[in-house]
N, C-alpha and C. Protein backbone atom coordinates (compact mmCIF):
# COMPACT_ATOMS: atom_id res chain seq x y z
N MET A 1 54.89 73.92 108.89
CA MET A 1 54.30 74.46 110.11
C MET A 1 54.95 75.79 110.45
N LYS A 2 56.28 75.86 110.30
CA LYS A 2 56.99 77.07 110.63
C LYS A 2 56.59 78.22 109.71
N LEU A 3 56.44 77.92 108.41
CA LEU A 3 56.02 78.94 107.45
C LEU A 3 54.60 79.41 107.76
N GLN A 4 53.73 78.48 108.14
CA GLN A 4 52.35 78.84 108.47
C GLN A 4 52.32 79.76 109.69
N PHE A 5 53.15 79.50 110.68
CA PHE A 5 53.23 80.36 111.86
C PHE A 5 53.68 81.75 111.47
N HIS A 6 54.69 81.86 110.62
CA HIS A 6 55.19 83.16 110.20
C HIS A 6 54.14 83.93 109.41
N THR A 7 53.40 83.23 108.55
CA THR A 7 52.34 83.88 107.78
C THR A 7 51.26 84.43 108.70
N GLN A 8 50.84 83.63 109.69
CA GLN A 8 49.83 84.10 110.64
C GLN A 8 50.37 85.27 111.45
N PHE A 9 51.62 85.21 111.87
CA PHE A 9 52.23 86.29 112.64
C PHE A 9 52.22 87.59 111.84
N ILE A 10 52.55 87.52 110.57
CA ILE A 10 52.56 88.72 109.72
C ILE A 10 51.15 89.28 109.58
N ARG A 11 50.17 88.42 109.39
CA ARG A 11 48.78 88.89 109.26
C ARG A 11 48.30 89.56 110.54
N ILE A 12 48.59 88.95 111.68
CA ILE A 12 48.19 89.53 112.96
C ILE A 12 48.89 90.87 113.17
N THR A 13 50.17 90.94 112.82
CA THR A 13 50.91 92.20 112.95
C THR A 13 50.29 93.28 112.08
N LEU A 14 49.91 92.96 110.86
CA LEU A 14 49.28 93.95 109.98
C LEU A 14 47.96 94.44 110.55
N ILE A 15 47.19 93.54 111.13
CA ILE A 15 45.90 93.94 111.71
C ILE A 15 46.12 94.85 112.92
N VAL A 16 47.08 94.50 113.77
CA VAL A 16 47.37 95.35 114.94
C VAL A 16 47.86 96.72 114.49
N LEU A 17 48.74 96.78 113.50
CA LEU A 17 49.22 98.06 113.00
C LEU A 17 48.07 98.89 112.42
N GLN A 18 47.15 98.23 111.74
CA GLN A 18 45.99 98.93 111.18
C GLN A 18 45.12 99.51 112.29
N LEU A 19 44.97 98.76 113.39
CA LEU A 19 44.16 99.25 114.51
C LEU A 19 44.85 100.42 115.21
N ILE A 20 46.17 100.37 115.31
CA ILE A 20 46.92 101.45 115.96
C ILE A 20 46.91 102.70 115.10
N ASN A 21 47.13 102.55 113.81
CA ASN A 21 47.19 103.70 112.91
C ASN A 21 46.30 103.42 111.70
N PRO A 22 45.03 103.85 111.75
CA PRO A 22 44.10 103.54 110.65
C PRO A 22 44.51 104.13 109.31
N SER A 23 45.45 105.07 109.29
CA SER A 23 45.85 105.65 108.01
C SER A 23 46.75 104.69 107.22
N LEU A 24 47.25 103.64 107.89
CA LEU A 24 48.05 102.64 107.16
C LEU A 24 47.15 101.91 106.18
N GLN A 25 47.67 101.57 105.04
CA GLN A 25 46.90 100.90 104.01
C GLN A 25 47.35 99.45 103.88
N TRP A 26 46.40 98.57 103.56
CA TRP A 26 46.74 97.18 103.27
C TRP A 26 47.51 97.14 101.96
N PRO A 27 48.42 96.21 101.80
CA PRO A 27 49.10 96.10 100.50
C PRO A 27 48.08 95.77 99.42
N GLU A 28 48.22 96.41 98.30
CA GLU A 28 47.29 96.18 97.20
C GLU A 28 47.52 94.80 96.60
N PRO A 29 46.45 94.04 96.37
CA PRO A 29 46.61 92.76 95.70
C PRO A 29 47.11 92.96 94.28
N GLU A 30 47.61 91.89 93.69
CA GLU A 30 48.24 91.97 92.38
C GLU A 30 47.24 91.84 91.24
N TYR A 31 46.17 92.62 91.26
CA TYR A 31 45.23 92.64 90.17
C TYR A 31 44.64 94.03 90.07
N SER A 32 44.12 94.35 88.92
CA SER A 32 43.55 95.67 88.74
C SER A 32 42.06 95.60 88.44
N ALA A 33 41.59 94.49 87.90
CA ALA A 33 40.18 94.34 87.57
C ALA A 33 39.44 93.65 88.72
N THR A 34 38.15 93.55 88.59
CA THR A 34 37.36 92.83 89.59
C THR A 34 37.83 91.38 89.64
N PRO A 35 38.15 90.87 90.83
CA PRO A 35 38.67 89.50 90.92
C PRO A 35 37.61 88.46 90.59
N ILE A 36 38.08 87.31 90.20
CA ILE A 36 37.23 86.16 89.90
C ILE A 36 37.57 85.09 90.92
N PRO A 37 36.57 84.51 91.60
CA PRO A 37 36.89 83.49 92.60
C PRO A 37 37.54 82.27 91.96
N ALA A 38 38.50 81.71 92.67
CA ALA A 38 39.16 80.50 92.18
C ALA A 38 38.15 79.35 92.17
N PRO A 39 38.19 78.49 91.16
CA PRO A 39 37.25 77.36 91.15
C PRO A 39 37.57 76.41 92.29
N TRP A 40 36.53 75.82 92.84
CA TRP A 40 36.72 74.86 93.92
C TRP A 40 37.31 73.58 93.37
N PRO A 41 38.27 73.00 94.08
CA PRO A 41 38.76 71.66 93.69
C PRO A 41 37.65 70.63 93.85
N GLU A 42 37.79 69.49 93.21
CA GLU A 42 36.74 68.47 93.25
C GLU A 42 36.42 68.01 94.66
N GLN A 43 37.37 68.07 95.59
CA GLN A 43 37.07 67.58 96.93
C GLN A 43 36.07 68.48 97.65
N PHE A 44 35.75 69.65 97.09
CA PHE A 44 34.77 70.53 97.70
C PHE A 44 33.37 70.32 97.12
N HIS A 45 33.19 69.27 96.35
CA HIS A 45 31.85 68.96 95.86
C HIS A 45 30.98 68.60 97.06
N ALA A 46 29.78 69.13 97.10
CA ALA A 46 28.89 68.86 98.23
C ALA A 46 27.49 68.58 97.74
N LEU A 47 26.77 67.80 98.51
CA LEU A 47 25.36 67.56 98.27
C LEU A 47 24.58 68.30 99.34
N LEU A 48 23.60 69.09 98.92
CA LEU A 48 22.77 69.85 99.84
C LEU A 48 21.39 69.20 99.86
N TYR A 49 20.97 68.70 101.01
CA TYR A 49 19.66 68.08 101.17
C TYR A 49 18.74 69.07 101.87
N MET A 50 17.61 69.39 101.24
CA MET A 50 16.65 70.32 101.84
C MET A 50 15.30 69.63 101.93
N ASN A 51 14.76 69.60 103.13
CA ASN A 51 13.44 69.02 103.36
C ASN A 51 12.42 70.14 103.14
N LEU A 52 11.75 70.13 101.99
CA LEU A 52 10.83 71.20 101.63
C LEU A 52 9.44 70.99 102.22
N SER A 53 9.08 69.79 102.55
CA SER A 53 7.79 69.50 103.19
C SER A 53 7.89 68.11 103.79
N SER A 54 6.81 67.63 104.29
CA SER A 54 6.84 66.31 104.91
C SER A 54 7.00 65.19 103.88
N THR A 55 6.76 65.50 102.60
CA THR A 55 6.83 64.44 101.58
C THR A 55 7.84 64.74 100.48
N ARG A 56 8.53 65.87 100.55
CA ARG A 56 9.40 66.25 99.43
C ARG A 56 10.82 66.58 99.92
N LEU A 57 11.79 65.91 99.33
CA LEU A 57 13.20 66.15 99.64
C LEU A 57 13.90 66.63 98.38
N GLN A 58 14.58 67.75 98.47
CA GLN A 58 15.31 68.28 97.31
C GLN A 58 16.80 68.07 97.54
N ILE A 59 17.49 67.53 96.53
CA ILE A 59 18.93 67.31 96.59
C ILE A 59 19.59 68.20 95.55
N THR A 60 20.56 68.99 95.98
CA THR A 60 21.25 69.91 95.08
C THR A 60 22.75 69.64 95.15
N ASN A 61 23.39 69.59 93.98
CA ASN A 61 24.85 69.46 93.92
C ASN A 61 25.48 70.84 93.95
N LEU A 62 26.49 71.02 94.79
CA LEU A 62 27.28 72.25 94.79
C LEU A 62 28.66 71.90 94.24
N TRP A 63 29.02 72.48 93.08
CA TRP A 63 30.27 72.18 92.40
C TRP A 63 31.19 73.39 92.48
N PRO A 64 32.47 73.25 91.96
CA PRO A 64 33.45 74.32 91.95
C PRO A 64 32.97 75.60 91.29
N ASP A 65 31.92 75.54 90.38
CA ASP A 65 31.45 76.75 89.69
C ASP A 65 30.19 77.34 90.34
N PHE A 66 29.95 77.03 91.63
CA PHE A 66 28.71 77.50 92.25
C PHE A 66 28.65 79.02 92.40
N LEU A 67 29.77 79.72 92.23
CA LEU A 67 29.76 81.18 92.36
C LEU A 67 29.56 81.90 91.04
N ASP A 68 29.27 81.18 89.96
CA ASP A 68 28.98 81.86 88.69
C ASP A 68 27.83 82.84 88.89
N GLY A 69 28.04 84.07 88.49
CA GLY A 69 27.01 85.10 88.63
C GLY A 69 27.01 85.80 89.97
N ALA A 70 27.96 85.47 90.85
CA ALA A 70 28.03 86.14 92.16
C ALA A 70 28.56 87.56 91.99
N GLU A 71 28.18 88.43 92.94
CA GLU A 71 28.61 89.83 92.91
C GLU A 71 29.77 90.04 93.87
N HIS A 72 30.86 90.61 93.37
CA HIS A 72 32.01 90.91 94.22
C HIS A 72 31.69 92.14 95.05
N LEU A 73 31.81 92.03 96.38
CA LEU A 73 31.46 93.13 97.28
C LEU A 73 32.67 93.91 97.77
N GLY A 74 33.87 93.45 97.43
CA GLY A 74 35.08 94.14 97.89
C GLY A 74 35.90 93.22 98.78
N THR A 75 36.69 93.81 99.66
CA THR A 75 37.52 93.02 100.56
C THR A 75 37.12 93.28 102.01
N ALA A 76 37.42 92.31 102.86
CA ALA A 76 37.16 92.42 104.29
C ALA A 76 38.14 91.51 105.02
N VAL A 77 38.45 91.88 106.25
CA VAL A 77 39.31 91.03 107.08
C VAL A 77 38.39 90.13 107.90
N THR A 78 38.58 88.83 107.78
CA THR A 78 37.81 87.87 108.56
C THR A 78 38.74 86.75 109.03
N ASP A 79 38.62 86.39 110.27
CA ASP A 79 39.46 85.35 110.88
C ASP A 79 40.95 85.61 110.66
N GLY A 80 41.34 86.89 110.58
CA GLY A 80 42.74 87.24 110.41
C GLY A 80 43.23 87.22 108.97
N TYR A 81 42.36 87.02 108.01
CA TYR A 81 42.73 86.97 106.60
C TYR A 81 42.10 88.14 105.86
N LEU A 82 42.85 88.72 104.94
CA LEU A 82 42.29 89.71 104.03
C LEU A 82 41.60 88.93 102.92
N CYS A 83 40.29 89.11 102.78
CA CYS A 83 39.50 88.27 101.88
C CYS A 83 38.75 89.09 100.84
N ASN A 84 38.61 88.50 99.65
CA ASN A 84 37.63 88.98 98.69
C ASN A 84 36.30 88.40 99.13
N VAL A 85 35.23 89.20 99.00
CA VAL A 85 33.91 88.76 99.45
C VAL A 85 32.95 88.79 98.27
N TRP A 86 32.22 87.68 98.08
CA TRP A 86 31.20 87.59 97.04
C TRP A 86 29.87 87.26 97.70
N GLU A 87 28.80 87.73 97.04
CA GLU A 87 27.43 87.42 97.48
C GLU A 87 26.66 86.88 96.29
N LYS A 88 25.86 85.85 96.56
CA LYS A 88 25.01 85.29 95.51
C LYS A 88 23.63 85.02 96.09
N ILE A 89 22.65 85.46 95.42
CA ILE A 89 21.22 85.31 95.76
C ILE A 89 20.92 85.62 97.23
N ASP A 90 21.55 86.60 97.78
CA ASP A 90 21.28 87.12 99.13
C ASP A 90 21.52 86.15 100.28
N ILE A 91 21.86 84.90 100.03
CA ILE A 91 22.06 83.97 101.13
C ILE A 91 23.44 83.33 101.13
N VAL A 92 24.16 83.41 100.02
CA VAL A 92 25.49 82.80 99.94
C VAL A 92 26.53 83.91 100.02
N TRP A 93 27.33 83.89 101.07
CA TRP A 93 28.44 84.83 101.23
C TRP A 93 29.71 84.00 101.24
N TYR A 94 30.63 84.31 100.35
CA TYR A 94 31.85 83.52 100.18
C TYR A 94 33.05 84.41 100.41
N TYR A 95 33.94 83.98 101.31
CA TYR A 95 35.16 84.72 101.63
C TYR A 95 36.36 83.90 101.15
N GLU A 96 37.21 84.53 100.34
CA GLU A 96 38.38 83.84 99.77
C GLU A 96 39.61 84.68 100.06
N ASP A 97 40.67 84.05 100.58
CA ASP A 97 41.92 84.76 100.88
C ASP A 97 42.44 85.43 99.61
N VAL A 98 42.74 86.73 99.71
CA VAL A 98 43.20 87.51 98.55
C VAL A 98 44.48 86.93 97.97
N TYR A 99 45.38 86.48 98.82
CA TYR A 99 46.71 86.09 98.37
C TYR A 99 46.81 84.63 97.97
N THR A 100 46.18 83.72 98.72
CA THR A 100 46.30 82.29 98.43
C THR A 100 45.13 81.75 97.62
N LYS A 101 44.03 82.51 97.52
CA LYS A 101 42.80 82.10 96.82
C LYS A 101 42.12 80.91 97.48
N ARG A 102 42.37 80.66 98.76
CA ARG A 102 41.75 79.57 99.48
C ARG A 102 40.46 80.03 100.15
N PRO A 103 39.46 79.15 100.27
CA PRO A 103 38.24 79.50 100.99
C PRO A 103 38.56 79.75 102.46
N VAL A 104 38.00 80.84 103.01
CA VAL A 104 38.21 81.16 104.42
C VAL A 104 36.91 80.97 105.21
N ARG A 105 35.81 81.41 104.60
CA ARG A 105 34.53 81.36 105.30
C ARG A 105 33.41 81.25 104.29
């Protein structure tokens, strides 16, 4: 809990410093090529139920590799985290923490 508080404090401090002096740069992540999203652990398996009409129900499995073919859009700060952002088929936007590779949004 204490480490989590310190991590959040550092992130908030970086955001405030960026707002005060926009010429400050975020620390560069430790990669040089386009990032690849971390695969989802099995506990993130989901079933998507879509009612397509009054008589038809479509069930889709969402697995750890659901971002295959997604386009990396760059980085953005969301909910206090510096995130890599991917888009897939115009409706799926995925935000992943640059440093921990955890899903944020």
